[in-house]
Amino acid sequence: MDLFRAIIAGRAFSLKRELINGYVVSTINSWDRGYETAIIDDNGIHPVEIYSSEREAIVGHDEWVKKLENFPVEITKLGKDWDDELIILKPMSPEIAFRILNIRLTEIIE
């Protein structure tokens, strides 16, 4: 399953990636948007916040982890070529979450 490949359109550097309550919180420095956090659930990848610095991105990542500890059901997915949209999160199975959490960056960009 290559669900995680969709998060990157080009080369990126992963800052933090954590599994919380069936969701993966992933914060990267991407070539097109810079520092950003996305929530990955059973439905796909949902960019939720963009930052102007690495420090902001790390703090923002930790804030998203705290939010997901309280089992939010809805988030707003940031738009780029689409409008922002409300997403109802669906937790992933442990097997899929483990694979995404542990995928190597080289698997993503090859």
N, C-alpha and C. Protein backbone atom coordinates (compact mmCIF):
# COMPACT_ATOMS: atom_id res chain seq x y z
N MET A 1 0.84 -1.19 0.00
CA MET A 1 0.00 0.00 0.00
C MET A 1 0.88 1.24 0.00
N ASP A 2 0.62 2.17 -0.91
CA ASP A 2 1.45 3.35 -1.04
C ASP A 2 0.72 4.62 -0.63
N LEU A 3 -0.12 4.55 0.39
CA LEU A 3 -0.88 5.70 0.85
C LEU A 3 0.02 6.87 1.19
N PHE A 4 1.15 6.59 1.81
CA PHE A 4 2.02 7.68 2.27
C PHE A 4 2.72 8.38 1.12
N ARG A 5 2.87 7.73 -0.03
CA ARG A 5 3.53 8.36 -1.19
C ARG A 5 2.82 9.64 -1.62
N ALA A 6 1.54 9.71 -1.46
CA ALA A 6 0.76 10.86 -1.90
C ALA A 6 1.07 12.13 -1.14
N ILE A 7 1.72 12.03 0.00
CA ILE A 7 2.00 13.23 0.79
C ILE A 7 3.10 14.08 0.18
N ILE A 8 3.87 13.49 -0.71
CA ILE A 8 5.01 14.22 -1.24
C ILE A 8 4.98 14.25 -2.76
N ALA A 9 4.99 15.43 -3.32
CA ALA A 9 5.03 15.56 -4.78
C ALA A 9 6.48 15.65 -5.26
N GLY A 10 7.39 15.88 -4.37
CA GLY A 10 8.82 15.96 -4.67
C GLY A 10 9.58 15.59 -3.43
N ARG A 11 10.83 15.96 -3.39
CA ARG A 11 11.65 15.63 -2.22
C ARG A 11 11.20 16.42 -1.01
N ALA A 12 11.28 15.78 0.15
CA ALA A 12 10.87 16.41 1.40
C ALA A 12 11.69 15.84 2.54
N PHE A 13 11.76 16.60 3.61
CA PHE A 13 12.46 16.17 4.81
C PHE A 13 11.44 16.00 5.91
N SER A 14 11.40 14.83 6.50
CA SER A 14 10.45 14.55 7.57
C SER A 14 11.00 15.08 8.90
N LEU A 15 10.22 15.96 9.55
CA LEU A 15 10.62 16.50 10.85
C LEU A 15 10.16 15.61 11.99
N LYS A 16 8.88 15.26 11.98
CA LYS A 16 8.30 14.41 13.03
C LYS A 16 7.17 13.59 12.44
N ARG A 17 7.00 12.39 12.98
CA ARG A 17 5.89 11.54 12.55
C ARG A 17 5.49 10.70 13.75
N GLU A 18 4.22 10.76 14.14
CA GLU A 18 3.75 10.04 15.32
C GLU A 18 2.39 9.41 15.08
N LEU A 19 2.17 8.29 15.74
CA LEU A 19 0.88 7.61 15.70
C LEU A 19 0.12 7.95 16.97
N ILE A 20 -1.12 8.40 16.81
CA ILE A 20 -1.96 8.73 17.96
C ILE A 20 -3.41 8.34 17.65
N ASN A 21 -3.94 7.41 18.41
CA ASN A 21 -5.35 7.00 18.31
C ASN A 21 -5.78 6.59 16.90
N GLY A 22 -4.90 5.91 16.17
CA GLY A 22 -5.25 5.44 14.84
C GLY A 22 -4.98 6.42 13.72
N TYR A 23 -4.34 7.55 14.03
CA TYR A 23 -3.99 8.56 13.04
C TYR A 23 -2.48 8.78 13.07
N VAL A 24 -1.91 9.10 11.92
CA VAL A 24 -0.50 9.49 11.88
C VAL A 24 -0.46 11.00 11.71
N VAL A 25 0.29 11.67 12.57
CA VAL A 25 0.56 13.10 12.45
C VAL A 25 1.95 13.20 11.84
N SER A 26 2.05 13.80 10.66
CA SER A 26 3.31 13.90 9.94
C SER A 26 3.62 15.35 9.64
N THR A 27 4.81 15.79 10.03
CA THR A 27 5.24 17.15 9.75
C THR A 27 6.52 17.08 8.94
N ILE A 28 6.50 17.77 7.80
CA ILE A 28 7.61 17.72 6.85
C ILE A 28 8.00 19.12 6.40
N ASN A 29 9.13 19.19 5.73
CA ASN A 29 9.54 20.39 5.00
C ASN A 29 9.49 20.00 3.53
N SER A 30 8.41 20.36 2.86
CA SER A 30 8.23 19.94 1.47
C SER A 30 8.76 21.00 0.50
N TRP A 31 9.03 20.58 -0.71
CA TRP A 31 9.59 21.50 -1.71
C TRP A 31 8.57 22.52 -2.18
N ASP A 32 7.28 22.19 -2.11
CA ASP A 32 6.29 23.11 -2.66
C ASP A 32 5.59 23.99 -1.62
N ARG A 33 5.41 23.49 -0.41
CA ARG A 33 4.69 24.26 0.60
C ARG A 33 5.55 24.63 1.79
N GLY A 34 6.75 24.11 1.87
CA GLY A 34 7.59 24.36 3.03
C GLY A 34 7.16 23.48 4.19
N TYR A 35 7.23 24.04 5.38
CA TYR A 35 6.89 23.27 6.58
C TYR A 35 5.37 23.10 6.68
N GLU A 36 4.95 21.84 6.83
CA GLU A 36 3.52 21.58 6.94
C GLU A 36 3.25 20.31 7.74
N THR A 37 2.07 20.29 8.36
CA THR A 37 1.60 19.11 9.09
C THR A 37 0.40 18.55 8.35
N ALA A 38 0.35 17.22 8.28
CA ALA A 38 -0.79 16.53 7.70
C ALA A 38 -1.24 15.44 8.66
N ILE A 39 -2.53 15.17 8.66
CA ILE A 39 -3.10 14.05 9.41
C ILE A 39 -3.41 12.96 8.39
N ILE A 40 -2.95 11.75 8.67
CA ILE A 40 -3.21 10.63 7.78
C ILE A 40 -4.17 9.69 8.50
N ASP A 41 -5.30 9.43 7.84
CA ASP A 41 -6.28 8.52 8.42
C ASP A 41 -6.63 7.46 7.38
N ASP A 42 -7.66 6.69 7.64
CA ASP A 42 -8.05 5.61 6.73
C ASP A 42 -8.55 6.13 5.39
N ASN A 43 -8.95 7.40 5.34
CA ASN A 43 -9.46 8.00 4.10
C ASN A 43 -8.38 8.68 3.26
N GLY A 44 -7.20 8.91 3.84
CA GLY A 44 -6.15 9.56 3.06
C GLY A 44 -5.31 10.53 3.87
N ILE A 45 -4.74 11.48 3.16
CA ILE A 45 -3.82 12.45 3.74
C ILE A 45 -4.48 13.82 3.71
N HIS A 46 -4.45 14.49 4.87
CA HIS A 46 -5.16 15.75 5.01
C HIS A 46 -4.21 16.83 5.54
N PRO A 47 -3.66 17.69 4.68
CA PRO A 47 -2.82 18.79 5.17
C PRO A 47 -3.68 19.70 6.06
N VAL A 48 -3.14 20.04 7.24
CA VAL A 48 -3.94 20.82 8.18
C VAL A 48 -3.30 22.14 8.60
N GLU A 49 -1.98 22.27 8.43
CA GLU A 49 -1.35 23.53 8.85
C GLU A 49 -0.03 23.72 8.12
N ILE A 50 0.25 24.99 7.78
CA ILE A 50 1.51 25.38 7.14
C ILE A 50 2.21 26.37 8.06
N TYR A 51 3.54 26.28 8.11
CA TYR A 51 4.33 27.10 9.03
C TYR A 51 5.42 27.86 8.28
N SER A 52 5.95 28.89 8.93
CA SER A 52 7.00 29.69 8.30
C SER A 52 8.40 29.30 8.76
N SER A 53 8.50 28.45 9.79
CA SER A 53 9.83 28.05 10.27
C SER A 53 9.79 26.62 10.82
N GLU A 54 10.96 26.03 10.96
CA GLU A 54 11.05 24.68 11.51
C GLU A 54 10.57 24.67 12.97
N ARG A 55 10.93 25.69 13.71
CA ARG A 55 10.51 25.77 15.13
C ARG A 55 8.98 25.79 15.24
N GLU A 56 8.33 26.63 14.42
CA GLU A 56 6.86 26.69 14.41
C GLU A 56 6.27 25.33 14.05
N ALA A 57 6.90 24.66 13.08
CA ALA A 57 6.40 23.37 12.62
C ALA A 57 6.45 22.32 13.73
N ILE A 58 7.53 22.31 14.49
CA ILE A 58 7.66 21.34 15.59
C ILE A 58 6.63 21.63 16.68
N VAL A 59 6.47 22.89 17.03
CA VAL A 59 5.45 23.27 18.03
C VAL A 59 4.05 22.92 17.52
N GLY A 60 3.77 23.26 16.25
CA GLY A 60 2.47 22.96 15.65
C GLY A 60 2.19 21.47 15.60
N HIS A 61 3.21 20.69 15.26
CA HIS A 61 3.07 19.23 15.23
C HIS A 61 2.61 18.73 16.60
N ASP A 62 3.30 19.18 17.65
CA ASP A 62 2.96 18.74 19.01
C ASP A 62 1.54 19.16 19.39
N GLU A 63 1.10 20.32 18.92
CA GLU A 63 -0.27 20.76 19.19
C GLU A 63 -1.29 19.85 18.51
N TRP A 64 -0.99 19.40 17.28
CA TRP A 64 -1.90 18.48 16.59
C TRP A 64 -1.96 17.13 17.30
N VAL A 65 -0.82 16.68 17.82
CA VAL A 65 -0.82 15.43 18.58
C VAL A 65 -1.74 15.57 19.79
N LYS A 66 -1.66 16.69 20.49
CA LYS A 66 -2.53 16.91 21.66
C LYS A 66 -4.00 16.94 21.26
N LYS A 67 -4.30 17.59 20.12
CA LYS A 67 -5.69 17.65 19.65
C LYS A 67 -6.22 16.24 19.38
N LEU A 68 -5.40 15.39 18.77
CA LEU A 68 -5.86 14.05 18.42
C LEU A 68 -5.97 13.13 19.63
N GLU A 69 -5.33 13.50 20.74
CA GLU A 69 -5.49 12.72 21.97
C GLU A 69 -6.93 12.79 22.45
N ASN A 70 -7.64 13.84 22.08
CA ASN A 70 -9.04 14.03 22.50
C ASN A 70 -10.02 13.52 21.45
N PHE A 71 -9.55 12.70 20.52
CA PHE A 71 -10.38 12.08 19.49
C PHE A 71 -11.25 13.07 18.71
N PRO A 72 -10.66 14.07 18.08
CA PRO A 72 -11.52 14.92 17.24
C PRO A 72 -12.05 14.10 16.07
N VAL A 73 -13.25 14.36 15.72
CA VAL A 73 -13.86 13.64 14.61
C VAL A 73 -13.73 14.44 13.32
N GLU A 74 -13.69 15.76 13.44
CA GLU A 74 -13.65 16.62 12.26
C GLU A 74 -12.42 17.52 12.29
N ILE A 75 -11.83 17.73 11.12
CA ILE A 75 -10.73 18.68 10.94
C ILE A 75 -10.99 19.45 9.66
N THR A 76 -10.29 20.54 9.47
CA THR A 76 -10.37 21.28 8.22
C THR A 76 -9.11 21.01 7.42
N LYS A 77 -9.29 20.41 6.24
CA LYS A 77 -8.18 20.13 5.34
C LYS A 77 -7.87 21.41 4.56
N LEU A 78 -6.59 21.80 4.56
CA LEU A 78 -6.20 23.02 3.86
C LEU A 78 -6.30 22.85 2.36
N GLY A 79 -6.75 23.87 1.70
CA GLY A 79 -6.82 23.84 0.25
C GLY A 79 -5.56 24.40 -0.38
N LYS A 80 -5.27 23.96 -1.56
CA LYS A 80 -4.21 24.54 -2.39
C LYS A 80 -4.82 24.73 -3.76
N ASP A 81 -5.05 23.61 -4.42
CA ASP A 81 -5.75 23.64 -5.70
C ASP A 81 -7.22 23.31 -5.49
N TRP A 82 -7.63 23.26 -4.24
CA TRP A 82 -9.01 22.98 -3.87
C TRP A 82 -9.37 23.91 -2.72
N ASP A 83 -10.62 24.04 -2.43
CA ASP A 83 -11.05 24.84 -1.29
C ASP A 83 -10.82 24.05 -0.01
N ASP A 84 -10.61 24.78 1.10
CA ASP A 84 -10.55 24.11 2.39
C ASP A 84 -11.83 23.30 2.55
N GLU A 85 -11.70 22.12 3.16
CA GLU A 85 -12.90 21.31 3.34
C GLU A 85 -12.91 20.63 4.70
N LEU A 86 -14.09 20.42 5.21
CA LEU A 86 -14.27 19.73 6.48
C LEU A 86 -14.12 18.23 6.23
N ILE A 87 -13.29 17.57 7.03
CA ILE A 87 -13.03 16.15 6.89
C ILE A 87 -13.46 15.45 8.18
N ILE A 88 -14.16 14.34 8.05
CA ILE A 88 -14.47 13.50 9.19
C ILE A 88 -13.43 12.39 9.22
N LEU A 89 -12.62 12.39 10.29
CA LEU A 89 -11.52 11.43 10.39
C LEU A 89 -12.02 10.03 10.69
N LYS A 90 -11.30 9.05 10.13
CA LYS A 90 -11.59 7.64 10.38
C LYS A 90 -10.26 6.97 10.75
N PRO A 91 -10.14 6.44 11.97
CA PRO A 91 -8.88 5.82 12.38
C PRO A 91 -8.48 4.67 11.46
N MET A 92 -7.17 4.48 11.32
CA MET A 92 -6.63 3.39 10.52
C MET A 92 -6.52 2.12 11.37
N SER A 93 -6.45 1.00 10.69
CA SER A 93 -6.17 -0.26 11.40
C SER A 93 -4.73 -0.18 11.92
N PRO A 94 -4.42 -0.88 12.99
CA PRO A 94 -3.06 -0.86 13.53
C PRO A 94 -2.00 -1.28 12.51
N GLU A 95 -2.32 -2.23 11.65
CA GLU A 95 -1.35 -2.71 10.66
C GLU A 95 -0.98 -1.61 9.66
N ILE A 96 -1.98 -0.90 9.15
CA ILE A 96 -1.72 0.17 8.18
C ILE A 96 -1.02 1.33 8.86
N ALA A 97 -1.46 1.70 10.04
CA ALA A 97 -0.83 2.81 10.77
C ALA A 97 0.64 2.50 11.03
N PHE A 98 0.94 1.27 11.44
CA PHE A 98 2.33 0.89 11.71
C PHE A 98 3.18 1.01 10.45
N ARG A 99 2.65 0.57 9.33
CA ARG A 99 3.40 0.64 8.06
C ARG A 99 3.69 2.10 7.69
N ILE A 100 2.70 2.95 7.79
CA ILE A 100 2.88 4.36 7.44
C ILE A 100 3.85 5.04 8.41
N LEU A 101 3.71 4.73 9.67
CA LEU A 101 4.57 5.34 10.68
C LEU A 101 6.03 4.96 10.46
N ASN A 102 6.29 3.77 9.97
CA ASN A 102 7.65 3.27 9.86
C ASN A 102 8.22 3.26 8.45
N ILE A 103 7.49 3.79 7.49
CA ILE A 103 7.99 3.81 6.12
C ILE A 103 9.23 4.72 6.04
N ARG A 104 10.20 4.28 5.28
CA ARG A 104 11.40 5.09 5.09
C ARG A 104 11.14 6.16 4.06
N LEU A 105 11.77 7.31 4.23
CA LEU A 105 11.60 8.42 3.29
C LEU A 105 12.01 8.00 1.89
N THR A 106 13.03 7.14 1.75
CA THR A 106 13.46 6.72 0.42
C THR A 106 12.36 5.94 -0.30
N GLU A 107 11.51 5.25 0.45
CA GLU A 107 10.39 4.54 -0.18
C GLU A 107 9.38 5.52 -0.76
N ILE A 108 9.29 6.68 -0.15
CA ILE A 108 8.31 7.68 -0.57
C ILE A 108 8.73 8.37 -1.85
N ILE A 109 10.01 8.69 -1.98
CA ILE A 109 10.45 9.52 -3.09
C ILE A 109 11.02 8.74 -4.26
N GLU A 110 11.13 7.44 -4.14
CA GLU A 110 11.65 6.64 -5.26
C GLU A 110 10.60 6.46 -6.33
